[in-house]
Amino acid sequence: MSENIRVIQYGLGPIGNATARYIVERAGLELVGGVDIDPAKVGKDVGKVIGLERDLDFAVTENLAQIKVTADVVLHATSSYFDQFEDQIIEILEAGLDVVSTAEELSFPWLAHPQQAAEIDAVAKRVGKTVLGTGVNPGFIMDSFPLNLTAICQQVEGIDVTRRINASTRRGPFQAKIGSGMTVDDFNARIAAGRMGHVGLPESMGMVLDTLGKRLIRYDSDIEPVVADHLITTDYFEVQPGQVQGLRQVGRAYVNGGNDQETDPREFLTLTFIAALELENEGDIIQIFGSPNLEANLKGTNGDIATVAIAVNSIRRVKEAAPGLVTMRDLPIVTFW
């Protein structure tokens, strides 16, 4: 493409700000708007809000309709949960814009949110635009990357992915999301309420199983706190011994045991997510069991940097894609460009 792709950043939290700064840096892209509902940001120059050392000469608006310039795509980074972002995605589509979103539940929503996925897909096709939910996880480490590895397998009997994150190097909201500084009782109560912990394991499960032609028989998930045994201090939290420093979350997908029988389900896919302050041995391990057995080890996949990168690198593919709600497995391989 010879002309710049004009991008609006929708959501100016830590990830949205980092994404907007990266868009400003990238050749072939032009940041033309910023949307956020925070009264402390609305009306201020977007350059100042996202942390640049210069003004961009356009202000943060409270909603998309207030942006009067022409744009091509919206990079959306607000909430993880469908009930909080669905109306935003439809608003963007109705404005005639493609969408790349970091919303975890949008990455492969047909398993947990089939009705909402169908609604977004229908709107996107009606207006001739494309929607993608992506990120480092879900969107890569636990789904599209393992799927790509299976290309060199003659048989796949199972997949196991473990992601270990030293949360001390991550942004404040992420440290909060894993329970840093909470008591164990408060942690367990928040988990029971369903709005804490890593979001995206069911979406990764759905993408892998659907792509490999496996039918989900049962899905199990458990979350437990990682408890500090010494004082831990970060830029955002002070965690006393006995308080929560993070979490361990495991999802297991069971498929037919053989002969298409549901009476003997077997574990096929296990996703383990561990994020804690001062966690050692940070990295990602992807194992494919079959013919041949494969193991891939990744080091350096900082979640914040990687999320920004994959969202921005996906813009070109989304612009080229057919209208509708798509996933990372539907697009040609996303690369740096």
C-alpha atoms as a PDB file:
ATOM      1  CA  MET A   1       0.000   0.000   0.000  1.00  0.00           C
ATOM      2  CA  SER A   2       1.488   3.328  -1.029  1.00  0.00           C
ATOM      3  CA  GLU A   3      -0.648   5.530   1.214  1.00  0.00           C
ATOM      4  CA  ASN A   4      -0.540   5.512   5.002  1.00  0.00           C
ATOM      5  CA  ILE A   5      -3.190   3.489   6.828  1.00  0.00           C
ATOM      6  CA  ARG A   6      -5.017   5.978   9.042  1.00  0.00           C
ATOM      7  CA  VAL A   7      -5.616   4.631  12.540  1.00  0.00           C
ATOM      8  CA  ILE A   8      -7.781   5.691  15.474  1.00  0.00           C
ATOM      9  CA  GLN A   9      -6.775   4.417  18.908  1.00  0.00           C
ATOM     10  CA  TYR A  10      -9.913   3.531  20.906  1.00  0.00           C
ATOM     11  CA  GLY A  11      -8.999   3.180  24.573  1.00  0.00           C
ATOM     12  CA  LEU A  12      -6.043   5.043  26.074  1.00  0.00           C
ATOM     13  CA  GLY A  13      -5.054   2.936  29.047  1.00  0.00           C
ATOM     14  CA  PRO A  14      -1.518   1.539  29.385  1.00  0.00           C
ATOM     15  CA  ILE A  15      -1.834  -0.829  26.413  1.00  0.00           C
ATOM     16  CA  GLY A  16      -3.749   1.680  24.288  1.00  0.00           C
ATOM     17  CA  ASN A  17      -1.152   4.364  24.964  1.00  0.00           C
ATOM     18  CA  ALA A  18       1.701   2.020  24.106  1.00  0.00           C
ATOM     19  CA  THR A  19      -0.073   0.966  20.922  1.00  0.00           C
ATOM     20  CA  ALA A  20      -0.711   4.585  19.923  1.00  0.00           C
ATOM     21  CA  ARG A  21       2.960   5.479  20.459  1.00  0.00           C
ATOM     22  CA  TYR A  22       3.997   2.547  18.296  1.00  0.00           C
ATOM     23  CA  ILE A  23       1.586   3.577  15.535  1.00  0.00           C
ATOM     24  CA  VAL A  24       3.169   7.027  15.536  1.00  0.00           C
ATOM     25  CA  GLU A  25       6.608   5.417  15.101  1.00  0.00           C
ATOM     26  CA  ARG A  26       5.678   2.991  12.329  1.00  0.00           C
ATOM     27  CA  ALA A  27       6.159   3.830   8.671  1.00  0.00           C
ATOM     28  CA  GLY A  28       2.979   3.233   6.675  1.00  0.00           C
ATOM     29  CA  LEU A  29       0.682   4.112   9.567  1.00  0.00           C
ATOM     30  CA  GLU A  30      -0.743   7.427  10.714  1.00  0.00           C
ATOM     31  CA  LEU A  31      -2.468   8.045  14.036  1.00  0.00           C
ATOM     32  CA  VAL A  32      -5.414  10.372  13.421  1.00  0.00           C
ATOM     33  CA  GLY A  33      -7.557  10.084  16.553  1.00  0.00           C
ATOM     34  CA  GLY A  34      -7.830   8.927  20.142  1.00  0.00           C
ATOM     35  CA  VAL A  35     -10.944   7.924  22.104  1.00  0.00           C
ATOM     36  CA  ASP A  36     -11.299   7.486  25.853  1.00  0.00           C
ATOM     37  CA  ILE A  37     -14.070   8.106  28.389  1.00  0.00           C
ATOM     38  CA  ASP A  38     -11.723   9.266  31.160  1.00  0.00           C
ATOM     39  CA  PRO A  39     -12.625  12.933  31.896  1.00  0.00           C
ATOM     40  CA  ALA A  40      -8.987  13.582  32.808  1.00  0.00           C
ATOM     41  CA  LYS A  41      -7.960  12.724  29.237  1.00  0.00           C
ATOM     42  CA  VAL A  42     -10.837  14.056  27.134  1.00  0.00           C
ATOM     43  CA  GLY A  43      -9.923  17.354  25.428  1.00  0.00           C
ATOM     44  CA  LYS A  44      -6.182  16.983  25.965  1.00  0.00           C
ATOM     45  CA  ASP A  45      -3.762  16.599  23.074  1.00  0.00           C
ATOM     46  CA  VAL A  46      -3.359  12.914  22.232  1.00  0.00           C
ATOM     47  CA  GLY A  47       0.425  13.297  22.096  1.00  0.00           C
ATOM     48  CA  LYS A  48       0.534  14.386  25.728  1.00  0.00           C
ATOM     49  CA  VAL A  49      -1.909  11.680  26.860  1.00  0.00           C
ATOM     50  CA  ILE A  50       0.031   8.818  25.272  1.00  0.00           C
ATOM     51  CA  GLY A  51       3.362  10.040  26.599  1.00  0.00           C
ATOM     52  CA  LEU A  52       5.017  11.614  23.581  1.00  0.00           C
ATOM     53  CA  GLU A  53       7.326  14.588  23.987  1.00  0.00           C
ATOM     54  CA  ARG A  54       5.347  16.516  21.370  1.00  0.00           C
ATOM     55  CA  ASP A  55       1.770  17.403  20.555  1.00  0.00           C
ATOM     56  CA  LEU A  56      -0.072  15.671  17.728  1.00  0.00           C
ATOM     57  CA  ASP A  57      -2.468  18.617  17.270  1.00  0.00           C
ATOM     58  CA  PHE A  58      -5.679  16.662  17.844  1.00  0.00           C
ATOM     59  CA  ALA A  59      -7.463  16.030  21.114  1.00  0.00           C
ATOM     60  CA  VAL A  60      -8.803  12.953  22.867  1.00  0.00           C
ATOM     61  CA  THR A  61     -12.534  12.618  22.252  1.00  0.00           C
ATOM     62  CA  GLU A  62     -15.111  10.971  24.472  1.00  0.00           C
ATOM     63  CA  ASN A  63     -16.625   8.972  21.619  1.00  0.00           C
ATOM     64  CA  LEU A  64     -15.931   7.946  18.057  1.00  0.00           C
ATOM     65  CA  ALA A  65     -18.580  10.210  16.515  1.00  0.00           C
ATOM     66  CA  GLN A  66     -16.665  13.300  17.656  1.00  0.00           C
ATOM     67  CA  ILE A  67     -13.729  12.419  15.378  1.00  0.00           C
ATOM     68  CA  LYS A  68     -14.354  14.179  12.071  1.00  0.00           C
ATOM     69  CA  VAL A  69     -11.283  13.109  10.077  1.00  0.00           C
ATOM     70  CA  THR A  70     -11.187  10.175   7.672  1.00  0.00           C
ATOM     71  CA  ALA A  71      -9.762   6.933   9.025  1.00  0.00           C
ATOM     72  CA  ASP A  72      -9.312   3.337   7.883  1.00  0.00           C
ATOM     73  CA  VAL A  73      -9.052   1.198  10.996  1.00  0.00           C
ATOM     74  CA  VAL A  74      -9.596   1.385  14.737  1.00  0.00           C
ATOM     75  CA  LEU A  75      -7.193  -0.260  17.140  1.00  0.00           C
ATOM     76  CA  HIS A  76      -9.462  -1.107  20.064  1.00  0.00           C
ATOM     77  CA  ALA A  77      -8.073  -1.659  23.595  1.00  0.00           C
ATOM     78  CA  THR A  78     -10.642  -1.236  26.339  1.00  0.00           C
ATOM     79  CA  SER A  79     -12.103  -4.291  28.115  1.00  0.00           C
ATOM     80  CA  SER A  80     -11.598  -8.045  28.085  1.00  0.00           C
ATOM     81  CA  TYR A  81     -15.286  -8.882  28.464  1.00  0.00           C
ATOM     82  CA  PHE A  82     -18.021  -9.081  25.841  1.00  0.00           C
ATOM     83  CA  ASP A  83     -20.663  -7.298  27.891  1.00  0.00           C
ATOM     84  CA  GLN A  84     -18.348  -4.281  28.126  1.00  0.00           C
ATOM     85  CA  PHE A  85     -16.946  -4.092  24.585  1.00  0.00           C
ATOM     86  CA  GLU A  86     -19.635  -5.474  22.248  1.00  0.00           C
ATOM     87  CA  ASP A  87     -21.426  -2.147  21.783  1.00  0.00           C
ATOM     88  CA  GLN A  88     -18.081  -0.452  21.122  1.00  0.00           C
ATOM     89  CA  ILE A  89     -17.195  -2.907  18.345  1.00  0.00           C
ATOM     90  CA  ILE A  90     -20.592  -2.451  16.694  1.00  0.00           C
ATOM     91  CA  GLU A  91     -20.243   1.342  16.977  1.00  0.00           C
ATOM     92  CA  ILE A  92     -16.887   1.193  15.194  1.00  0.00           C
ATOM     93  CA  LEU A  93     -18.242  -1.027  12.439  1.00  0.00           C
ATOM     94  CA  GLU A  94     -21.283   1.171  11.895  1.00  0.00           C
ATOM     95  CA  ALA A  95     -18.866   4.067  11.423  1.00  0.00           C
ATOM     96  CA  GLY A  96     -17.405   2.183   8.460  1.00  0.00           C
ATOM     97  CA  LEU A  97     -14.075   1.186  10.008  1.00  0.00           C
ATOM     98  CA  ASP A  98     -12.130  -2.062  10.272  1.00  0.00           C
ATOM     99  CA  VAL A  99     -11.264  -3.201  13.813  1.00  0.00           C
ATOM    100  CA  VAL A 100      -8.212  -4.766  15.423  1.00  0.00           C
ATOM    101  CA  SER A 101      -9.011  -5.394  19.085  1.00  0.00           C
ATOM    102  CA  THR A 102      -7.013  -6.661  22.048  1.00  0.00           C
ATOM    103  CA  ALA A 103     -10.213  -7.870  23.773  1.00  0.00           C
ATOM    104  CA  GLU A 104      -9.465 -11.426  24.865  1.00  0.00           C
ATOM    105  CA  GLU A 105     -13.013 -12.745  24.598  1.00  0.00           C
ATOM    106  CA  LEU A 106     -13.142 -11.585  20.959  1.00  0.00           C
ATOM    107  CA  SER A 107     -10.164 -13.729  19.872  1.00  0.00           C
ATOM    108  CA  PHE A 108     -12.299 -16.846  19.269  1.00  0.00           C
ATOM    109  CA  PRO A 109     -15.755 -16.189  20.712  1.00  0.00           C
ATOM    110  CA  TRP A 110     -17.838 -19.005  19.164  1.00  0.00           C
ATOM    111  CA  LEU A 111     -17.330 -21.375  22.090  1.00  0.00           C
ATOM    112  CA  ALA A 112     -18.283 -19.083  24.988  1.00  0.00           C
ATOM    113  CA  HIS A 113     -20.239 -16.311  23.191  1.00  0.00           C
ATOM    114  CA  PRO A 114     -21.780 -17.738  20.017  1.00  0.00           C
ATOM    115  CA  GLN A 115     -24.747 -15.355  19.855  1.00  0.00           C
ATOM    116  CA  GLN A 116     -22.666 -12.201  20.318  1.00  0.00           C
ATOM    117  CA  ALA A 117     -20.094 -13.490  17.815  1.00  0.00           C
ATOM    118  CA  ALA A 118     -22.820 -14.037  15.242  1.00  0.00           C
ATOM    119  CA  GLU A 119     -24.175 -10.523  15.814  1.00  0.00           C
ATOM    120  CA  ILE A 120     -20.778  -8.885  15.305  1.00  0.00           C
ATOM    121  CA  ASP A 121     -20.054 -11.051  12.274  1.00  0.00           C
ATOM    122  CA  ALA A 122     -23.390 -10.088  10.723  1.00  0.00           C
ATOM    123  CA  VAL A 123     -22.824  -6.362  11.242  1.00  0.00           C
ATOM    124  CA  ALA A 124     -19.285  -6.583   9.867  1.00  0.00           C
ATOM    125  CA  LYS A 125     -20.466  -8.340   6.714  1.00  0.00           C
ATOM    126  CA  ARG A 126     -23.360  -5.928   6.265  1.00  0.00           C
ATOM    127  CA  VAL A 127     -21.057  -2.893   6.338  1.00  0.00           C
ATOM    128  CA  GLY A 128     -18.223  -4.610   4.487  1.00  0.00           C
ATOM    129  CA  LYS A 129     -15.646  -4.392   7.275  1.00  0.00           C
ATOM    130  CA  THR A 130     -13.419  -6.799   9.183  1.00  0.00           C
ATOM    131  CA  VAL A 131     -13.007  -7.449  12.933  1.00  0.00           C
ATOM    132  CA  LEU A 132     -10.065  -9.257  14.529  1.00  0.00           C
ATOM    133  CA  GLY A 133      -9.427 -10.041  18.181  1.00  0.00           C
ATOM    134  CA  THR A 134      -5.753 -10.691  18.841  1.00  0.00           C
ATOM    135  CA  GLY A 135      -2.926 -10.427  21.342  1.00  0.00           C
ATOM    136  CA  VAL A 136       0.004 -12.424  22.576  1.00  0.00           C
ATOM    137  CA  ASN A 137      -2.286 -14.656  24.674  1.00  0.00           C
ATOM    138  CA  PRO A 138      -4.895 -15.357  23.447  1.00  0.00           C
ATOM    139  CA  GLY A 139      -3.944 -14.803  19.836  1.00  0.00           C
ATOM    140  CA  PHE A 140      -0.514 -16.405  19.665  1.00  0.00           C
ATOM    141  CA  ILE A 141       1.268 -18.310  22.456  1.00  0.00           C
ATOM    142  CA  MET A 142      -1.509 -20.750  23.375  1.00  0.00           C
ATOM    143  CA  ASP A 143      -3.341 -21.049  20.063  1.00  0.00           C
ATOM    144  CA  SER A 144      -2.047 -19.817  16.696  1.00  0.00           C
ATOM    145  CA  PHE A 145       1.597 -20.657  17.442  1.00  0.00           C
ATOM    146  CA  PRO A 146       0.910 -24.267  18.542  1.00  0.00           C
ATOM    147  CA  LEU A 147      -1.386 -24.663  15.542  1.00  0.00           C
ATOM    148  CA  ASN A 148       1.425 -23.581  13.216  1.00  0.00           C
ATOM    149  CA  LEU A 149       3.729 -26.152  14.827  1.00  0.00           C
ATOM    150  CA  THR A 150       1.293 -28.958  13.979  1.00  0.00           C
ATOM    151  CA  ALA A 151       1.986 -28.294  10.280  1.00  0.00           C
ATOM    152  CA  ILE A 152       5.069 -30.493  10.571  1.00  0.00           C
ATOM    153  CA  CYS A 153       3.274 -33.313  12.398  1.00  0.00           C
ATOM    154  CA  GLN A 154       1.833 -36.450  10.828  1.00  0.00           C
ATOM    155  CA  GLN A 155      -0.258 -37.094  13.932  1.00  0.00           C
ATOM    156  CA  VAL A 156      -1.276 -34.966  16.932  1.00  0.00           C
ATOM    157  CA  GLU A 157      -2.360 -36.773  20.093  1.00  0.00           C
ATOM    158  CA  GLY A 158      -2.207 -33.839  22.492  1.00  0.00           C
ATOM    159  CA  ILE A 159      -0.936 -30.320  23.153  1.00  0.00           C
ATOM    160  CA  ASP A 160       0.427 -28.788  26.352  1.00  0.00           C
ATOM    161  CA  VAL A 161       1.312 -25.099  26.700  1.00  0.00           C
ATOM    162  CA  THR A 162       2.761 -23.473  29.815  1.00  0.00           C
ATOM    163  CA  ARG A 163       3.289 -19.728  30.113  1.00  0.00           C
ATOM    164  CA  ARG A 164       5.272 -18.309  33.050  1.00  0.00           C
ATOM    165  CA  ILE A 165       5.305 -14.533  33.558  1.00  0.00           C
ATOM    166  CA  ASN A 166       7.376 -12.478  35.972  1.00  0.00           C
ATOM    167  CA  ALA A 167       4.691  -9.894  36.695  1.00  0.00           C
ATOM    168  CA  SER A 168       7.145  -7.561  38.414  1.00  0.00           C
ATOM    169  CA  THR A 169       8.119  -6.312  34.945  1.00  0.00           C
ATOM    170  CA  ARG A 170       4.537  -5.727  33.817  1.00  0.00           C
ATOM    171  CA  ARG A 171       2.183  -2.755  34.060  1.00  0.00           C
ATOM    172  CA  GLY A 172       0.194  -1.939  37.205  1.00  0.00           C
ATOM    173  CA  PRO A 173      -3.231  -3.100  35.945  1.00  0.00           C
ATOM    174  CA  PHE A 174      -1.763  -6.494  35.088  1.00  0.00           C
ATOM    175  CA  GLN A 175      -0.271  -6.838  38.563  1.00  0.00           C
ATOM    176  CA  ALA A 176      -3.673  -5.968  39.996  1.00  0.00           C
ATOM    177  CA  LYS A 177      -5.458  -8.459  37.719  1.00  0.00           C
ATOM    178  CA  ILE A 178      -3.455 -11.382  39.125  1.00  0.00           C
ATOM    179  CA  GLY A 179      -4.321 -10.434  42.724  1.00  0.00           C
ATOM    180  CA  SER A 180      -1.100  -8.786  43.876  1.00  0.00           C
ATOM    181  CA  GLY A 181      -1.352  -7.690  47.516  1.00  0.00           C
ATOM    182  CA  MET A 182      -4.707  -9.331  48.199  1.00  0.00           C
ATOM    183  CA  THR A 183      -5.454 -11.715  51.029  1.00  0.00           C
ATOM    184  CA  VAL A 184      -6.091 -15.306  50.029  1.00  0.00           C
ATOM    185  CA  ASP A 185      -9.732 -15.004  51.133  1.00  0.00           C
ATOM    186  CA  ASP A 186     -10.273 -11.876  49.030  1.00  0.00           C
ATOM    187  CA  PHE A 187      -8.552 -13.550  46.093  1.00  0.00           C
ATOM    188  CA  ASN A 188     -10.817 -16.589  46.287  1.00  0.00           C
ATOM    189  CA  ALA A 189     -13.906 -14.391  46.578  1.00  0.00           C
ATOM    190  CA  ARG A 190     -12.922 -12.398  43.473  1.00  0.00           C
ATOM    191  CA  ILE A 191     -12.254 -15.595  41.538  1.00  0.00           C
ATOM    192  CA  ALA A 192     -15.682 -16.927  42.542  1.00  0.00           C
ATOM    193  CA  ALA A 193     -17.254 -13.726  41.233  1.00  0.00           C
ATOM    194  CA  GLY A 194     -15.719 -14.461  37.829  1.00  0.00           C
ATOM    195  CA  ARG A 195     -13.965 -11.189  37.066  1.00  0.00           C
ATOM    196  CA  MET A 196     -10.383 -11.876  38.014  1.00  0.00           C
ATOM    197  CA  GLY A 197      -7.510 -13.840  36.590  1.00  0.00           C
ATOM    198  CA  HIS A 198      -6.329 -14.456  33.058  1.00  0.00           C
ATOM    199  CA  VAL A 199      -9.001 -14.071  30.396  1.00  0.00           C
ATOM    200  CA  GLY A 200      -8.691 -16.113  27.227  1.00  0.00           C
ATOM    201  CA  LEU A 201      -8.156 -19.798  28.000  1.00  0.00           C
ATOM    202  CA  PRO A 202     -11.575 -20.873  26.615  1.00  0.00           C
ATOM    203  CA  GLU A 203     -10.927 -18.784  23.510  1.00  0.00           C
ATOM    204  CA  SER A 204      -7.548 -20.426  22.923  1.00  0.00           C
ATOM    205  CA  MET A 205      -9.132 -23.833  23.555  1.00  0.00           C
ATOM    206  CA  GLY A 206     -11.847 -23.108  21.015  1.00  0.00           C
ATOM    207  CA  MET A 207      -9.436 -21.982  18.307  1.00  0.00           C
ATOM    208  CA  VAL A 208      -7.165 -25.013  18.674  1.00  0.00           C
ATOM    209  CA  LEU A 209      -9.915 -27.626  18.861  1.00  0.00           C
ATOM    210  CA  ASP A 210     -12.004 -26.182  16.052  1.00  0.00           C
ATOM    211  CA  THR A 211      -9.013 -25.863  13.742  1.00  0.00           C
ATOM    212  CA  LEU A 212      -7.871 -29.438  14.409  1.00  0.00           C
ATOM    213  CA  GLY A 213     -11.388 -30.823  13.972  1.00  0.00           C
ATOM    214  CA  LYS A 214     -11.780 -31.886  17.604  1.00  0.00           C
ATOM    215  CA  ARG A 215     -15.107 -31.728  19.425  1.00  0.00           C
ATOM    216  CA  LEU A 216     -14.992 -30.472  23.017  1.00  0.00           C
ATOM    217  CA  ILE A 217     -16.585 -32.936  25.424  1.00  0.00           C
ATOM    218  CA  ARG A 218     -15.561 -31.314  28.704  1.00  0.00           C
ATOM    219  CA  TYR A 219     -13.650 -28.255  29.828  1.00  0.00           C
ATOM    220  CA  ASP A 220     -12.151 -27.938  33.314  1.00  0.00           C
ATOM    221  CA  SER A 221     -10.509 -24.868  34.790  1.00  0.00           C
ATOM    222  CA  ASP A 222      -8.989 -24.136  38.171  1.00  0.00           C
ATOM    223  CA  ILE A 223      -7.255 -21.101  39.621  1.00  0.00           C
ATOM    224  CA  GLU A 224      -5.165 -20.933  42.759  1.00  0.00           C
ATOM    225  CA  PRO A 225      -3.189 -18.110  44.362  1.00  0.00           C
ATOM    226  CA  VAL A 226       0.586 -17.964  44.502  1.00  0.00           C
ATOM    227  CA  VAL A 227       1.360 -16.770  48.034  1.00  0.00           C
ATOM    228  CA  ALA A 228       4.386 -14.666  48.987  1.00  0.00           C
ATOM    229  CA  ASP A 229       6.789 -15.991  51.610  1.00  0.00           C
ATOM    230  CA  HIS A 230       8.711 -12.694  51.866  1.00  0.00           C
ATOM    231  CA  LEU A 231       8.142  -8.974  51.356  1.00  0.00           C
ATOM    232  CA  ILE A 232       7.823  -8.041  47.679  1.00  0.00           C
ATOM    233  CA  THR A 233       7.824  -4.438  46.470  1.00  0.00           C
ATOM    234  CA  THR A 234       7.093  -3.184  42.956  1.00  0.00           C
ATOM    235  CA  ASP A 235       6.324   0.243  41.540  1.00  0.00           C
ATOM    236  CA  TYR A 236       2.643  -0.478  42.157  1.00  0.00           C
ATOM    237  CA  PHE A 237       2.301  -2.898  45.110  1.00  0.00           C
ATOM    238  CA  GLU A 238       3.803  -3.875  48.433  1.00  0.00           C
ATOM    239  CA  VAL A 239       3.041  -7.523  49.138  1.00  0.00           C
ATOM    240  CA  GLN A 240       3.469  -8.845  52.646  1.00  0.00           C
ATOM    241  CA  PRO A 241       4.318 -12.473  53.440  1.00  0.00           C
ATOM    242  CA  GLY A 242       1.091 -14.468  53.321  1.00  0.00           C
ATOM    243  CA  GLN A 243      -0.507 -12.189  50.745  1.00  0.00           C
ATOM    244  CA  VAL A 244      -1.066 -13.048  47.099  1.00  0.00           C
ATOM    245  CA  GLN A 245       1.775 -12.391  44.664  1.00  0.00           C
ATOM    246  CA  GLY A 246       0.066 -13.940  41.628  1.00  0.00           C
ATOM    247  CA  LEU A 247      -1.875 -16.906  40.348  1.00  0.00           C
ATOM    248  CA  ARG A 248      -1.695 -20.287  38.673  1.00  0.00           C
ATOM    249  CA  GLN A 249      -4.509 -21.026  36.241  1.00  0.00           C
ATOM    250  CA  VAL A 250      -4.988 -24.282  34.345  1.00  0.00           C
ATOM    251  CA  GLY A 251      -7.506 -25.139  31.633  1.00  0.00           C
ATOM    252  CA  ARG A 252      -8.020 -28.687  30.345  1.00  0.00           C
ATOM    253  CA  ALA A 253      -9.988 -29.686  27.263  1.00  0.00           C
ATOM    254  CA  TYR A 254     -11.269 -33.224  26.832  1.00  0.00           C
ATOM    255  CA  VAL A 255     -12.234 -34.748  23.492  1.00  0.00           C
ATOM    256  CA  ASN A 256     -13.574 -38.106  22.327  1.00  0.00           C
ATOM    257  CA  GLY A 257     -11.492 -40.986  23.599  1.00  0.00           C
ATOM    258  CA  GLY A 258     -11.865 -42.930  20.376  1.00  0.00           C
ATOM    259  CA  ASN A 259     -14.469 -44.305  18.003  1.00  0.00           C
ATOM    260  CA  ASP A 260     -16.383 -41.050  18.425  1.00  0.00           C
ATOM    261  CA  GLN A 261     -17.492 -42.120  21.905  1.00  0.00           C
ATOM    262  CA  GLU A 262     -18.345 -39.469  24.498  1.00  0.00           C
ATOM    263  CA  THR A 263     -18.311 -41.993  27.335  1.00  0.00           C
ATOM    264  CA  ASP A 264     -14.516 -42.083  27.491  1.00  0.00           C
ATOM    265  CA  PRO A 265     -13.232 -38.526  27.038  1.00  0.00           C
ATOM    266  CA  ARG A 266      -9.493 -37.995  27.072  1.00  0.00           C
ATOM    267  CA  GLU A 267      -7.480 -34.899  27.896  1.00  0.00           C
ATOM    268  CA  PHE A 268      -6.202 -33.420  24.649  1.00  0.00           C
ATOM    269  CA  LEU A 269      -5.219 -29.820  25.412  1.00  0.00           C
ATOM    270  CA  THR A 270      -3.773 -28.392  28.625  1.00  0.00           C
ATOM    271  CA  LEU A 271      -3.072 -24.691  29.031  1.00  0.00           C
ATOM    272  CA  THR A 272      -1.210 -23.532  32.141  1.00  0.00           C
ATOM    273  CA  PHE A 273      -0.868 -19.830  32.895  1.00  0.00           C
ATOM    274  CA  ILE A 274       1.330 -18.754  35.808  1.00  0.00           C
ATOM    275  CA  ALA A 275       1.876 -15.066  36.544  1.00  0.00           C
ATOM    276  CA  ALA A 276       3.402 -13.824  39.782  1.00  0.00           C
ATOM    277  CA  LEU A 277       5.645 -11.107  41.116  1.00  0.00           C
ATOM    278  CA  GLU A 278       9.317 -12.133  41.154  1.00  0.00           C
ATOM    279  CA  LEU A 279       8.512 -15.380  39.333  1.00  0.00           C
ATOM    280  CA  GLU A 280      11.645 -17.196  38.169  1.00  0.00           C
ATOM    281  CA  ASN A 281      12.155 -19.182  34.954  1.00  0.00           C
ATOM    282  CA  GLU A 282       9.978 -16.876  32.896  1.00  0.00           C
ATOM    283  CA  GLY A 283       9.131 -18.214  29.453  1.00  0.00           C
ATOM    284  CA  ASP A 284       6.774 -20.255  27.307  1.00  0.00           C
ATOM    285  CA  ILE A 285       6.890 -23.991  26.631  1.00  0.00           C
ATOM    286  CA  ILE A 286       4.808 -25.486  23.835  1.00  0.00           C
ATOM    287  CA  GLN A 287       4.686 -29.277  23.552  1.00  0.00           C
ATOM    288  CA  ILE A 288       3.030 -31.229  20.745  1.00  0.00           C
ATOM    289  CA  PHE A 289       2.580 -34.947  21.407  1.00  0.00           C
ATOM    290  CA  GLY A 290       2.317 -37.100  18.305  1.00  0.00           C
ATOM    291  CA  SER A 291       4.455 -37.918  15.335  1.00  0.00           C
ATOM    292  CA  PRO A 292       6.925 -36.375  15.874  1.00  0.00           C
ATOM    293  CA  ASN A 293       6.884 -35.082  19.438  1.00  0.00           C
ATOM    294  CA  LEU A 294       7.801 -31.400  19.415  1.00  0.00           C
ATOM    295  CA  GLU A 295       8.865 -28.916  22.069  1.00  0.00           C
ATOM    296  CA  ALA A 296       9.372 -25.188  21.552  1.00  0.00           C
ATOM    297  CA  ASN A 297      10.755 -22.883  24.240  1.00  0.00           C
ATOM    298  CA  LEU A 298      10.370 -19.117  23.987  1.00  0.00           C
ATOM    299  CA  LYS A 299      12.218 -16.559  26.065  1.00  0.00           C
ATOM    300  CA  GLY A 300      11.634 -12.821  26.079  1.00  0.00           C
ATOM    301  CA  THR A 301       7.945 -12.715  25.191  1.00  0.00           C
ATOM    302  CA  ASN A 302       7.099  -9.673  27.310  1.00  0.00           C
ATOM    303  CA  GLY A 303       3.313  -9.627  27.182  1.00  0.00           C
ATOM    304  CA  ASP A 304       2.897  -5.854  26.923  1.00  0.00           C
ATOM    305  CA  ILE A 305       5.454  -5.400  24.137  1.00  0.00           C
ATOM    306  CA  ALA A 306       4.200  -8.471  22.279  1.00  0.00           C
ATOM    307  CA  THR A 307       0.535  -7.448  22.517  1.00  0.00           C
ATOM    308  CA  VAL A 308       1.287  -4.034  21.048  1.00  0.00           C
ATOM    309  CA  ALA A 309       3.390  -5.587  18.286  1.00  0.00           C
ATOM    310  CA  ILE A 310       0.923  -8.250  17.186  1.00  0.00           C
ATOM    311  CA  ALA A 311      -2.004  -5.810  17.206  1.00  0.00           C
ATOM    312  CA  VAL A 312      -0.183  -3.291  15.022  1.00  0.00           C
ATOM    313  CA  ASN A 313       1.340  -5.953  12.772  1.00  0.00           C
ATOM    314  CA  SER A 314      -2.157  -7.369  12.181  1.00  0.00           C
ATOM    315  CA  ILE A 315      -3.504  -4.115  10.716  1.00  0.00           C
ATOM    316  CA  ARG A 316      -2.290  -4.854   7.204  1.00  0.00           C
ATOM    317  CA  ARG A 317      -3.844  -8.346   7.194  1.00  0.00           C
ATOM    318  CA  VAL A 318      -7.161  -7.016   8.464  1.00  0.00           C
ATOM    319  CA  LYS A 319      -7.233  -4.392   5.724  1.00  0.00           C
ATOM    320  CA  GLU A 320      -6.737  -7.165   3.160  1.00  0.00           C
ATOM    321  CA  ALA A 321      -9.217  -9.648   4.699  1.00  0.00           C
ATOM    322  CA  ALA A 322     -12.775 -10.386   3.625  1.00  0.00           C
ATOM    323  CA  PRO A 323     -15.533  -8.739   5.697  1.00  0.00           C
ATOM    324  CA  GLY A 324     -16.672 -10.424   8.899  1.00  0.00           C
ATOM    325  CA  LEU A 325     -15.381 -11.505  12.301  1.00  0.00           C
ATOM    326  CA  VAL A 326     -12.058 -13.291  11.771  1.00  0.00           C
ATOM    327  CA  THR A 327      -9.421 -14.852  13.990  1.00  0.00           C
ATOM    328  CA  MET A 328      -5.672 -15.291  13.794  1.00  0.00           C
ATOM    329  CA  ARG A 329      -6.120 -18.751  12.274  1.00  0.00           C
ATOM    330  CA  ASP A 330      -8.161 -17.254   9.405  1.00  0.00           C
ATOM    331  CA  LEU A 331      -5.541 -14.728   8.262  1.00  0.00           C
ATOM    332  CA  PRO A 332      -2.367 -15.202   6.241  1.00  0.00           C
ATOM    333  CA  ILE A 333       0.577 -15.354   8.620  1.00  0.00           C
ATOM    334  CA  VAL A 334       0.992 -12.103  10.531  1.00  0.00           C
ATOM    335  CA  THR A 335       4.542 -10.766  10.489  1.00  0.00           C
ATOM    336  CA  PHE A 336       6.429  -7.596  11.143  1.00  0.00           C
ATOM    337  CA  TRP A 337       6.195  -5.389   8.054  1.00  0.00           C
END
